[in-house]
PDB file of N, CA and C in Angstrom:
ATOM      1  N   ASN A   1      -2.488  -5.955  23.628  1.00  0.00           N
ATOM      2  CA  ASN A   1      -3.060  -7.237  23.293  1.00  0.00           C
ATOM      3  C   ASN A   1      -3.248  -8.066  24.553  1.00  0.00           C
ATOM      4  N   THR A   2      -4.269  -8.834  24.593  1.00  0.00           N
ATOM      5  CA  THR A   2      -4.601  -9.611  25.775  1.00  0.00           C
ATOM      6  C   THR A   2      -3.565 -10.689  26.101  1.00  0.00           C
ATOM      7  N   PRO A   3      -3.022 -11.452  25.138  1.00  0.00           N
ATOM      8  CA  PRO A   3      -2.003 -12.439  25.502  1.00  0.00           C
ATOM      9  C   PRO A   3      -0.767 -11.796  26.129  1.00  0.00           C
ATOM     10  N   GLY A   4      -0.375 -10.641  25.649  1.00  0.00           N
ATOM     11  CA  GLY A   4       0.759  -9.937  26.239  1.00  0.00           C
ATOM     12  C   GLY A   4       0.468  -9.513  27.668  1.00  0.00           C
ATOM     13  N   LEU A   5      -0.773  -9.158  27.940  1.00  0.00           N
ATOM     14  CA  LEU A   5      -1.167  -8.782  29.294  1.00  0.00           C
ATOM     15  C   LEU A   5      -1.081  -9.978  30.234  1.00  0.00           C
ATOM     16  N   TYR A   6      -1.458 -11.149  29.756  1.00  0.00           N
ATOM     17  CA  TYR A   6      -1.366 -12.350  30.588  1.00  0.00           C
ATOM     18  C   TYR A   6       0.085 -12.698  30.906  1.00  0.00           C
ATOM     19  N   VAL A   7       0.957 -12.607  29.906  1.00  0.00           N
ATOM     20  CA  VAL A   7       2.383 -12.886  30.135  1.00  0.00           C
ATOM     21  C   VAL A   7       2.950 -11.871  31.116  1.00  0.00           C
ATOM     22  N   PHE A   8       2.586 -10.607  30.946  1.00  0.00           N
ATOM     23  CA  PHE A   8       3.041  -9.566  31.858  1.00  0.00           C
ATOM     24  C   PHE A   8       2.587  -9.859  33.284  1.00  0.00           C
ATOM     25  N   ALA A   9       1.319 -10.215  33.455  1.00  0.00           N
ATOM     26  CA  ALA A   9       0.795 -10.474  34.790  1.00  0.00           C
ATOM     27  C   ALA A   9       1.500 -11.652  35.444  1.00  0.00           C
ATOM     28  N   VAL A  10       1.751 -12.711  34.694  1.00  0.00           N
ATOM     29  CA  VAL A  10       2.435 -13.877  35.258  1.00  0.00           C
ATOM     30  C   VAL A  10       3.848 -13.507  35.682  1.00  0.00           C
ATOM     31  N   PHE A  11       4.568 -12.801  34.817  1.00  0.00           N
ATOM     32  CA  PHE A  11       5.960 -12.488  35.134  1.00  0.00           C
ATOM     33  C   PHE A  11       6.096 -11.417  36.199  1.00  0.00           C
ATOM     34  N   MET A  12       5.228 -10.429  36.210  1.00  0.00           N
ATOM     35  CA  MET A  12       5.399  -9.340  37.162  1.00  0.00           C
ATOM     36  C   MET A  12       4.793  -9.644  38.528  1.00  0.00           C
ATOM     37  N   PHE A  13       3.808 -10.481  38.598  1.00  0.00           N
ATOM     38  CA  PHE A  13       3.178 -10.731  39.890  1.00  0.00           C
ATOM     39  C   PHE A  13       3.509 -12.111  40.441  1.00  0.00           C
ATOM     40  N   PHE A  14       3.283 -13.139  39.670  1.00  0.00           N
ATOM     41  CA  PHE A  14       3.456 -14.492  40.181  1.00  0.00           C
ATOM     42  C   PHE A  14       4.931 -14.873  40.296  1.00  0.00           C
ATOM     43  N   ILE A  15       5.657 -14.813  39.199  1.00  0.00           N
ATOM     44  CA  ILE A  15       7.053 -15.271  39.197  1.00  0.00           C
ATOM     45  C   ILE A  15       7.945 -14.324  39.989  1.00  0.00           C
ATOM     46  N   ARG A  16       7.694 -13.025  39.892  1.00  0.00           N
ATOM     47  CA  ARG A  16       8.542 -12.074  40.623  1.00  0.00           C
ATOM     48  C   ARG A  16       8.407 -12.263  42.134  1.00  0.00           C
ATOM     49  N   ARG A  17       7.240 -12.533  42.611  1.00  0.00           N
ATOM     50  CA  ARG A  17       7.049 -12.702  44.051  1.00  0.00           C
ATOM     51  C   ARG A  17       7.566 -14.038  44.564  1.00  0.00           C
ATOM     52  N   ARG A  18       7.465 -15.081  43.760  1.00  0.00           N
ATOM     53  CA  ARG A  18       7.870 -16.407  44.229  1.00  0.00           C
ATOM     54  C   ARG A  18       9.319 -16.753  43.909  1.00  0.00           C
ATOM     55  N   TYR A  19       9.799 -16.330  42.748  1.00  0.00           N
ATOM     56  CA  TYR A  19      11.144 -16.702  42.301  1.00  0.00           C
ATOM     57  C   TYR A  19      11.910 -15.442  41.897  1.00  0.00           C
ATOM     58  N   LEU A  20      12.236 -14.600  42.849  1.00  0.00           N
ATOM     59  CA  LEU A  20      12.835 -13.298  42.557  1.00  0.00           C
ATOM     60  C   LEU A  20      14.194 -13.434  41.884  1.00  0.00           C
ATOM     61  N   ALA A  21      15.025 -14.358  42.314  1.00  0.00           N
ATOM     62  CA  ALA A  21      16.355 -14.516  41.712  1.00  0.00           C
ATOM     63  C   ALA A  21      16.243 -14.977  40.258  1.00  0.00           C
ATOM     64  N   TRP A  22      15.372 -15.931  40.001  1.00  0.00           N
ATOM     65  CA  TRP A  22      15.182 -16.402  38.622  1.00  0.00           C
ATOM     66  C   TRP A  22      14.608 -15.291  37.761  1.00  0.00           C
ATOM     67  N   TRP A  23      13.649 -14.546  38.288  1.00  0.00           N
ATOM     68  CA  TRP A  23      13.032 -13.443  37.552  1.00  0.00           C
ATOM     69  C   TRP A  23      14.060 -12.375  37.208  1.00  0.00           C
ATOM     70  N   ALA A  24      14.919 -12.035  38.179  1.00  0.00           N
ATOM     71  CA  ALA A  24      15.936 -11.007  37.939  1.00  0.00           C
ATOM     72  C   ALA A  24      16.936 -11.457  36.878  1.00  0.00           C
ATOM     73  N   LYS A  25      17.197 -12.748  36.800  1.00  0.00           N
ATOM     74  CA  LYS A  25      18.176 -13.255  35.838  1.00  0.00           C
ATOM     75  C   LYS A  25      17.594 -13.377  34.433  1.00  0.00           C
ATOM     76  N   TYR A  26      16.356 -13.805  34.285  1.00  0.00           N
ATOM     77  CA  TYR A  26      15.806 -14.145  32.972  1.00  0.00           C
ATOM     78  C   TYR A  26      14.725 -13.200  32.444  1.00  0.00           C
ATOM     79  N   ASN A  27      14.254 -12.256  33.220  1.00  0.00           N
ATOM     80  CA  ASN A  27      13.183 -11.378  32.754  1.00  0.00           C
ATOM     81  C   ASN A  27      13.637 -10.515  31.580  1.00  0.00           C
ATOM     82  N   TYR A  28      14.831  -9.959  31.656  1.00  0.00           N
ATOM     83  CA  TYR A  28      15.344  -9.120  30.574  1.00  0.00           C
ATOM     84  C   TYR A  28      15.552  -9.946  29.305  1.00  0.00           C
ATOM     85  N   ILE A  29      16.083 -11.145  29.457  1.00  0.00           N
ATOM     86  CA  ILE A  29      16.310 -12.012  28.295  1.00  0.00           C
ATOM     87  C   ILE A  29      14.980 -12.385  27.638  1.00  0.00           C
ATOM     88  N   LEU A  30      13.981 -12.722  28.442  1.00  0.00           N
ATOM     89  CA  LEU A  30      12.673 -13.065  27.894  1.00  0.00           C
ATOM     90  C   LEU A  30      12.045 -11.868  27.184  1.00  0.00           C
ATOM     91  N   SER A  31      12.147 -10.700  27.783  1.00  0.00           N
ATOM     92  CA  SER A  31      11.589  -9.501  27.168  1.00  0.00           C
ATOM     93  C   SER A  31      12.243  -9.210  25.826  1.00  0.00           C
ATOM     94  N   CYS A  32      13.564  -9.302  25.773  1.00  0.00           N
ATOM     95  CA  CYS A  32      14.278  -9.084  24.504  1.00  0.00           C
ATOM     96  C   CYS A  32      13.915 -10.152  23.480  1.00  0.00           C
ATOM     97  N   GLY A  33      13.780 -11.374  23.924  1.00  0.00           N
ATOM     98  CA  GLY A  33      13.417 -12.451  23.007  1.00  0.00           C
ATOM     99  C   GLY A  33      12.024 -12.265  22.416  1.00  0.00           C
ATOM    100  N   LEU A  34      11.069 -11.859  23.240  1.00  0.00           N
ATOM    101  CA  LEU A  34       9.712 -11.631  22.741  1.00  0.00           C
ATOM    102  C   LEU A  34       9.665 -10.454  21.774  1.00  0.00           C
ATOM    103  N   GLN A  35      10.361  -9.367  22.093  1.00  0.00           N
ATOM    104  CA  GLN A  35      10.379  -8.209  21.197  1.00  0.00           C
ATOM    105  C   GLN A  35      11.109  -8.530  19.903  1.00  0.00           C
ATOM    106  N   GLY A  36      12.188  -9.284  20.004  1.00  0.00           N
ATOM    107  CA  GLY A  36      12.899  -9.696  18.794  1.00  0.00           C
ATOM    108  C   GLY A  36      12.059 -10.616  17.930  1.00  0.00           C
ATOM    109  N   GLY A  37      11.287 -11.492  18.561  1.00  0.00           N
ATOM    110  CA  GLY A  37      10.396 -12.372  17.811  1.00  0.00           C
ATOM    111  C   GLY A  37       9.306 -11.608  17.081  1.00  0.00           C
ATOM    112  N   VAL A  38       8.770 -10.581  17.718  1.00  0.00           N
ATOM    113  CA  VAL A  38       7.758  -9.750  17.058  1.00  0.00           C
ATOM    114  C   VAL A  38       8.373  -9.009  15.877  1.00  0.00           C
ATOM    115  N   ALA A  39       9.575  -8.455  16.059  1.00  0.00           N
ATOM    116  CA  ALA A  39      10.245  -7.740  14.968  1.00  0.00           C
ATOM    117  C   ALA A  39      10.580  -8.688  13.819  1.00  0.00           C
ATOM    118  N   PHE A  40      11.112  -9.853  14.137  1.00  0.00           N
ATOM    119  CA  PHE A  40      11.443 -10.828  13.102  1.00  0.00           C
ATOM    120  C   PHE A  40      10.189 -11.299  12.376  1.00  0.00           C
ATOM    121  N   GLY A  41       9.121 -11.536  13.124  1.00  0.00           N
ATOM    122  CA  GLY A  41       7.860 -11.941  12.506  1.00  0.00           C
ATOM    123  C   GLY A  41       7.304 -10.867  11.585  1.00  0.00           C
ATOM    124  N   GLY A  42       7.422  -9.604  11.984  1.00  0.00           N
ATOM    125  CA  GLY A  42       6.967  -8.514  11.123  1.00  0.00           C
ATOM    126  C   GLY A  42       7.749  -8.438   9.833  1.00  0.00           C
ATOM    127  N   ILE A  43       9.066  -8.605   9.918  1.00  0.00           N
ATOM    128  CA  ILE A  43       9.903  -8.596   8.713  1.00  0.00           C
ATOM    129  C   ILE A  43       9.573  -9.795   7.837  1.00  0.00           C
ATOM    130  N   LEU A  44       9.396 -10.950   8.439  1.00  0.00           N
ATOM    131  CA  LEU A  44       9.067 -12.156   7.681  1.00  0.00           C
ATOM    132  C   LEU A  44       7.722 -12.021   6.968  1.00  0.00           C
ATOM    133  N   ILE A  45       6.729 -11.480   7.650  1.00  0.00           N
ATOM    134  CA  ILE A  45       5.421 -11.279   7.029  1.00  0.00           C
ATOM    135  C   ILE A  45       5.522 -10.275   5.895  1.00  0.00           C
ATOM    136  N   PHE A  46       6.295  -9.199   6.089  1.00  0.00           N
ATOM    137  CA  PHE A  46       6.478  -8.224   5.010  1.00  0.00           C
ATOM    138  C   PHE A  46       7.120  -8.875   3.795  1.00  0.00           C
ATOM    139  N   LEU A  47       8.174  -9.628   4.010  1.00  0.00           N
ATOM    140  CA  LEU A  47       8.864 -10.251   2.885  1.00  0.00           C
ATOM    141  C   LEU A  47       7.997 -11.297   2.192  1.00  0.00           C
ATOM    142  N   ALA A  48       7.186 -11.999   2.957  1.00  0.00           N
ATOM    143  CA  ALA A  48       6.361 -13.051   2.365  1.00  0.00           C
ATOM    144  C   ALA A  48       5.146 -12.502   1.626  1.00  0.00           C
ATOM    145  N   LEU A  49       4.567 -11.416   2.117  1.00  0.00           N
ATOM    146  CA  LEU A  49       3.301 -10.960   1.554  1.00  0.00           C
ATOM    147  C   LEU A  49       3.382  -9.675   0.739  1.00  0.00           C
ATOM    148  N   GLN A  50       4.307  -8.792   1.063  1.00  0.00           N
ATOM    149  CA  GLN A  50       4.311  -7.485   0.421  1.00  0.00           C
ATOM    150  C   GLN A  50       5.439  -7.283  -0.572  1.00  0.00           C
ATOM    151  N   TYR A  51       6.573  -7.830  -0.311  1.00  0.00           N
ATOM    152  CA  TYR A  51       7.754  -7.550  -1.121  1.00  0.00           C
ATOM    153  C   TYR A  51       7.864  -8.579  -2.240  1.00  0.00           C
ATOM    154  N   HIS A  52       7.224  -8.310  -3.339  1.00  0.00           N
ATOM    155  CA  HIS A  52       7.306  -9.197  -4.489  1.00  0.00           C
ATOM    156  C   HIS A  52       7.217  -8.345  -5.749  1.00  0.00           C
ATOM    157  N   THR A  53       7.887  -8.789  -6.784  1.00  0.00           N
ATOM    158  CA  THR A  53       7.893  -8.038  -8.032  1.00  0.00           C
ATOM    159  C   THR A  53       6.801  -8.500  -8.980  1.00  0.00           C
ATOM    160  N   LYS A  54       6.256  -9.662  -8.764  1.00  0.00           N
ATOM    161  CA  LYS A  54       5.212 -10.179  -9.636  1.00  0.00           C
ATOM    162  C   LYS A  54       3.874  -9.566  -9.232  1.00  0.00           C
ATOM    163  N   LYS A  55       3.148  -9.040 -10.195  1.00  0.00           N
ATOM    164  CA  LYS A  55       1.850  -8.447  -9.946  1.00  0.00           C
ATOM    165  C   LYS A  55       0.795  -9.532  -9.834  1.00  0.00           C
ATOM    166  N   LEU A  56       0.043  -9.529  -8.781  1.00  0.00           N
ATOM    167  CA  LEU A  56      -1.037 -10.486  -8.601  1.00  0.00           C
ATOM    168  C   LEU A  56      -2.317  -9.895  -9.179  1.00  0.00           C
ATOM    169  N   VAL A  57      -2.942 -10.624 -10.090  1.00  0.00           N
ATOM    170  CA  VAL A  57      -4.176 -10.156 -10.720  1.00  0.00           C
ATOM    171  C   VAL A  57      -5.291 -11.124 -10.349  1.00  0.00           C
ATOM    172  N   TRP A  58      -6.244 -10.648  -9.629  1.00  0.00           N
ATOM    173  CA  TRP A  58      -7.423 -11.412  -9.278  1.00  0.00           C
ATOM    174  C   TRP A  58      -8.576 -10.429  -9.148  1.00  0.00           C
ATOM    175  N   TRP A  59      -9.782 -10.900  -9.022  1.00  0.00           N
ATOM    176  CA  TRP A  59     -10.939 -10.012  -9.074  1.00  0.00           C
ATOM    177  C   TRP A  59     -10.933  -8.976  -7.956  1.00  0.00           C
ATOM    178  N   GLY A  60     -10.340  -9.277  -6.825  1.00  0.00           N
ATOM    179  CA  GLY A  60     -10.308  -8.317  -5.724  1.00  0.00           C
ATOM    180  C   GLY A  60      -9.415  -7.124  -5.994  1.00  0.00           C
ATOM    181  N   ASN A  61      -8.423  -7.275  -6.866  1.00  0.00           N
ATOM    182  CA  ASN A  61      -7.538  -6.167  -7.207  1.00  0.00           C
ATOM    183  C   ASN A  61      -8.062  -5.334  -8.364  1.00  0.00           C
ATOM    184  N   THR A  62      -8.853  -5.920  -9.231  1.00  0.00           N
ATOM    185  CA  THR A  62      -9.268  -5.224 -10.447  1.00  0.00           C
ATOM    186  C   THR A  62     -10.732  -4.815 -10.446  1.00  0.00           C
ATOM    187  N   ILE A  63     -11.496  -5.177  -9.455  1.00  0.00           N
ATOM    188  CA  ILE A  63     -12.931  -4.897  -9.458  1.00  0.00           C
ATOM    189  C   ILE A  63     -13.217  -3.405  -9.377  1.00  0.00           C
ATOM    190  N   SER A  64     -12.364  -2.640  -8.717  1.00  0.00           N
ATOM    191  CA  SER A  64     -12.623  -1.208  -8.596  1.00  0.00           C
ATOM    192  C   SER A  64     -12.448  -0.476  -9.919  1.00  0.00           C
ATOM    193  N   LYS A  65     -11.719  -1.049 -10.858  1.00  0.00           N
ATOM    194  CA  LYS A  65     -11.493  -0.407 -12.153  1.00  0.00           C
ATOM    195  C   LYS A  65     -12.451  -0.902 -13.230  1.00  0.00           C
ATOM    196  N   SER A  66     -13.339  -1.835 -12.904  1.00  0.00           N
ATOM    197  CA  SER A  66     -14.185  -2.417 -13.942  1.00  0.00           C
ATOM    198  C   SER A  66     -15.607  -1.868 -13.951  1.00  0.00           C
ATOM    199  N   GLY A  67     -16.039  -1.207 -12.919  1.00  0.00           N
ATOM    200  CA  GLY A  67     -17.397  -0.680 -12.884  1.00  0.00           C
ATOM    201  C   GLY A  67     -17.488   0.701 -13.507  1.00  0.00           C
ATOM    202  N   VAL A  68     -18.686   1.275 -13.486  1.00  0.00           N
ATOM    203  CA  VAL A  68     -18.868   2.600 -14.078  1.00  0.00           C
ATOM    204  C   VAL A  68     -18.129   3.675 -13.290  1.00  0.00           C
ATOM    205  N   ASP A  69     -17.932   3.478 -12.003  1.00  0.00           N
ATOM    206  CA  ASP A  69     -17.165   4.450 -11.230  1.00  0.00           C
ATOM    207  C   ASP A  69     -15.693   4.412 -11.610  1.00  0.00           C
ATOM    208  N   GLY A  70     -15.141   3.226 -11.788  1.00  0.00           N
ATOM    209  CA  GLY A  70     -13.732   3.104 -12.154  1.00  0.00           C
ATOM    210  C   GLY A  70     -13.444   3.562 -13.564  1.00  0.00           C
ATOM    211  N   ILE A  71     -14.380   3.312 -14.481  1.00  0.00           N
ATOM    212  CA  ILE A  71     -14.200   3.724 -15.874  1.00  0.00           C
ATOM    213  C   ILE A  71     -14.417   5.226 -16.023  1.00  0.00           C
ATOM    214  N   GLY A  72     -15.236   5.801 -15.162  1.00  0.00           N
ATOM    215  CA  GLY A  72     -15.504   7.234 -15.226  1.00  0.00           C
ATOM    216  C   GLY A  72     -16.730   7.579 -16.044  1.00  0.00           C
ATOM    217  N   THR A  73     -17.620   6.622 -16.254  1.00  0.00           N
ATOM    218  CA  THR A  73     -18.815   6.883 -17.053  1.00  0.00           C
ATOM    219  C   THR A  73     -20.061   7.067 -16.201  1.00  0.00           C
ATOM    220  N   ALA A  74     -19.919   7.129 -14.906  1.00  0.00           N
ATOM    221  CA  ALA A  74     -21.073   7.327 -14.035  1.00  0.00           C
ATOM    222  C   ALA A  74     -21.440   8.805 -14.047  1.00  0.00           C
ATOM    223  N   THR A  75     -22.563   9.130 -14.645  1.00  0.00           N
ATOM    224  CA  THR A  75     -23.006  10.523 -14.726  1.00  0.00           C
ATOM    225  C   THR A  75     -24.416  10.627 -14.177  1.00  0.00           C
ATOM    226  N   LEU A  76     -24.725  11.793 -13.688  1.00  0.00           N
ATOM    227  CA  LEU A  76     -26.073  12.061 -13.214  1.00  0.00           C
ATOM    228  C   LEU A  76     -26.881  12.652 -14.357  1.00  0.00           C
ATOM    229  N   LYS A  77     -28.067  12.154 -14.555  1.00  0.00           N
ATOM    230  CA  LYS A  77     -28.937  12.701 -15.592  1.00  0.00           C
ATOM    231  C   LYS A  77     -29.638  13.937 -15.042  1.00  0.00           C
ATOM    232  N   ALA A  78     -29.712  14.937 -15.856  1.00  0.00           N
ATOM    233  CA  ALA A  78     -30.352  16.183 -15.436  1.00  0.00           C
ATOM    234  C   ALA A  78     -31.862  16.013 -15.421  1.00  0.00           C
ATOM    235  N   VAL A  79     -32.485  16.571 -14.398  1.00  0.00           N
ATOM    236  CA  VAL A  79     -33.942  16.552 -14.286  1.00  0.00           C
ATOM    237  C   VAL A  79     -34.462  17.771 -15.046  1.00  0.00           C
ATOM    238  N   PRO A  80     -35.455  17.593 -15.920  1.00  0.00           N
ATOM    239  CA  PRO A  80     -35.984  18.742 -16.669  1.00  0.00           C
ATOM    240  C   PRO A  80     -36.517  19.827 -15.740  1.00  0.00           C
ATOM    241  N   LYS A  81     -36.384  21.068 -16.169  1.00  0.00           N
ATOM    242  CA  LYS A  81     -36.813  22.199 -15.355  1.00  0.00           C
ATOM    243  C   LYS A  81     -38.334  22.122 -15.130  1.00  0.00           C
ATOM    244  N   GLY A  82     -38.743  22.369 -13.898  1.00  0.00           N
ATOM    245  CA  GLY A  82     -40.154  22.297 -13.547  1.00  0.00           C
ATOM    246  C   GLY A  82     -40.598  20.894 -13.169  1.00  0.00           C
ATOM    247  N   SER A  83     -39.707  19.928 -13.228  1.00  0.00           N
ATOM    248  CA  SER A  83     -40.025  18.550 -12.889  1.00  0.00           C
ATOM    249  C   SER A  83     -39.264  18.167 -11.623  1.00  0.00           C
ATOM    250  N   TYR A  84     -39.435  16.962 -11.177  1.00  0.00           N
ATOM    251  CA  TYR A  84     -38.729  16.484  -9.993  1.00  0.00           C
ATOM    252  C   TYR A  84     -38.507  14.991 -10.134  1.00  0.00           C
ATOM    253  N   PHE A  85     -37.668  14.459  -9.276  1.00  0.00           N
ATOM    254  CA  PHE A  85     -37.337  13.038  -9.288  1.00  0.00           C
ATOM    255  C   PHE A  85     -38.196  12.338  -8.248  1.00  0.00           C
ATOM    256  N   GLY A  86     -38.913  11.313  -8.633  1.00  0.00           N
ATOM    257  CA  GLY A  86     -39.718  10.555  -7.692  1.00  0.00           C
ATOM    258  C   GLY A  86     -41.164  10.473  -8.118  1.00  0.00           C
ATOM    259  N   LEU A  87     -41.993  10.053  -7.180  1.00  0.00           N
ATOM    260  CA  LEU A  87     -43.422   9.906  -7.454  1.00  0.00           C
ATOM    261  C   LEU A  87     -44.089  11.275  -7.520  1.00  0.00           C
ATOM    262  N   PRO A  88     -45.151  11.377  -8.326  1.00  0.00           N
ATOM    263  CA  PRO A  88     -45.882  12.651  -8.377  1.00  0.00           C
ATOM    264  C   PRO A  88     -46.538  12.953  -7.032  1.00  0.00           C
ATOM    265  N   GLU A  89     -46.709  14.219  -6.751  1.00  0.00           N
ATOM    266  CA  GLU A  89     -47.328  14.617  -5.487  1.00  0.00           C
ATOM    267  C   GLU A  89     -48.729  14.045  -5.385  1.00  0.00           C
ATOM    268  N   GLY A  90     -49.049  13.526  -4.221  1.00  0.00           N
ATOM    269  CA  GLY A  90     -50.376  12.990  -3.968  1.00  0.00           C
ATOM    270  C   GLY A  90     -50.557  11.538  -4.376  1.00  0.00           C
ATOM    271  N   SER A  91     -49.603  10.925  -5.027  1.00  0.00           N
ATOM    272  CA  SER A  91     -49.765   9.542  -5.479  1.00  0.00           C
ATOM    273  C   SER A  91     -49.535   8.532  -4.360  1.00  0.00           C
ATOM    274  N   TRP A  92     -49.006   8.926  -3.260  1.00  0.00           N
ATOM    275  CA  TRP A  92     -48.726   7.991  -2.169  1.00  0.00           C
ATOM    276  C   TRP A  92     -49.824   7.982  -1.117  1.00  0.00           C
ATOM    277  N   GLU A  93     -50.845   8.821  -1.269  1.00  0.00           N
ATOM    278  CA  GLU A  93     -51.913   8.871  -0.266  1.00  0.00           C
ATOM    279  C   GLU A  93     -53.024   7.923  -0.583  1.00  0.00           C
TER     280      GLU A  93
END
């Protein structure tokens, strides 16, 4: 991700070269904090959006079961033998 690349560039090039003692002391803590924040955020998003016992019913969840494909009634009609589907030959000229 681009924001992570910017943070990496600042910490590895700018801060490390100018403030080496501060970087050596806090770089590991910052890295652990950012990774822990991502993990905590992932768990929080899962619990908020995915882990629920109540079924949500709205048109986006049920639309696939309401059409002819979902019901199973979509069939192809057979073309009579000796015939074809489309315009008759020569009618487009």
